[in-house]
C-alpha cells in the first residue's frame, strides 16, 4: 500500500510497536516521531 500524502507520522507512546508488521510506503514522509515508543 502507498500512502502518498502523509508527511508527518506521530507514533508517540505506542507500546510495543512492531515495525515489521507495518507494511506501507510513505514517499513524502518528512517527520517520523517515535518518542517514548518501544520498537521491536
C-alpha atoms as a PDB file:
ATOM      1  CA  UNK A   1       0.000   0.000   0.000  1.00  0.00           C
ATOM      2  CA  UNK A   2       1.240   3.501  -0.780  1.00  0.00           C
ATOM      3  CA  UNK A   3       0.164   6.409   1.426  1.00  0.00           C
ATOM      4  CA  UNK A   4       1.028   9.295  -0.870  1.00  0.00           C
ATOM      5  CA  UNK A   5       0.028  12.330   1.167  1.00  0.00           C
ATOM      6  CA  UNK A   6       1.300  11.517   4.665  1.00  0.00           C
ATOM      7  CA  UNK A   7       4.025  13.990   5.660  1.00  0.00           C
ATOM      8  CA  UNK A   8       4.033  13.678   9.471  1.00  0.00           C
ATOM      9  CA  UNK A   9       3.553  10.388  11.307  1.00  0.00           C
ATOM     10  CA  UNK A  10       3.366  10.503  15.085  1.00  0.00           C
ATOM     11  CA  UNK A  11       3.571   7.170  16.896  1.00  0.00           C
ATOM     12  CA  UNK A  12       4.484   8.656  20.264  1.00  0.00           C
ATOM     13  CA  UNK A  13       3.921   6.386  23.246  1.00  0.00           C
ATOM     14  CA  UNK A  14       2.848   3.394  21.172  1.00  0.00           C
ATOM     15  CA  UNK A  15       3.577   0.407  23.329  1.00  0.00           C
ATOM     16  CA  UNK A  16       5.458  -2.391  21.644  1.00  0.00           C
ATOM     17  CA  UNK A  17       5.363  -1.207  18.103  1.00  0.00           C
ATOM     18  CA  UNK A  18       6.431  -3.947  15.705  1.00  0.00           C
ATOM     19  CA  UNK A  19       7.851  -2.242  12.660  1.00  0.00           C
ATOM     20  CA  UNK A  20       7.923  -5.440  10.638  1.00  0.00           C
ATOM     21  CA  UNK A  21       4.103  -5.541  10.814  1.00  0.00           C
ATOM     22  CA  UNK A  22       3.851  -2.088   9.248  1.00  0.00           C
ATOM     23  CA  UNK A  23       3.929  -2.608   5.518  1.00  0.00           C
ATOM     24  CA  UNK A  24       3.345   0.568   3.571  1.00  0.00           C
ATOM     25  CA  UNK A  25       5.267   3.222   1.677  1.00  0.00           C
ATOM     26  CA  UNK A  26       5.222   6.910   2.523  1.00  0.00           C
ATOM     27  CA  UNK A  27       7.208   8.650  -0.200  1.00  0.00           C
ATOM     28  CA  UNK A  28       6.577  12.190   1.119  1.00  0.00           C
ATOM     29  CA  UNK A  29       7.237  11.452   4.799  1.00  0.00           C
ATOM     30  CA  UNK A  30       9.225  14.277   6.406  1.00  0.00           C
ATOM     31  CA  UNK A  31       8.755  13.615  10.132  1.00  0.00           C
ATOM     32  CA  UNK A  32       8.502  10.304  11.974  1.00  0.00           C
ATOM     33  CA  UNK A  33       8.071  10.692  15.736  1.00  0.00           C
ATOM     34  CA  UNK A  34       8.773   7.569  17.800  1.00  0.00           C
ATOM     35  CA  UNK A  35       9.278   9.354  21.130  1.00  0.00           C
ATOM     36  CA  UNK A  36       8.750   7.134  24.171  1.00  0.00           C
ATOM     37  CA  UNK A  37       7.948   4.202  21.904  1.00  0.00           C
ATOM     38  CA  UNK A  38       9.200   0.684  22.412  1.00  0.00           C
ATOM     39  CA  UNK A  39      10.170  -0.532  18.976  1.00  0.00           C
ATOM     40  CA  UNK A  40      10.793  -4.216  18.293  1.00  0.00           C
END
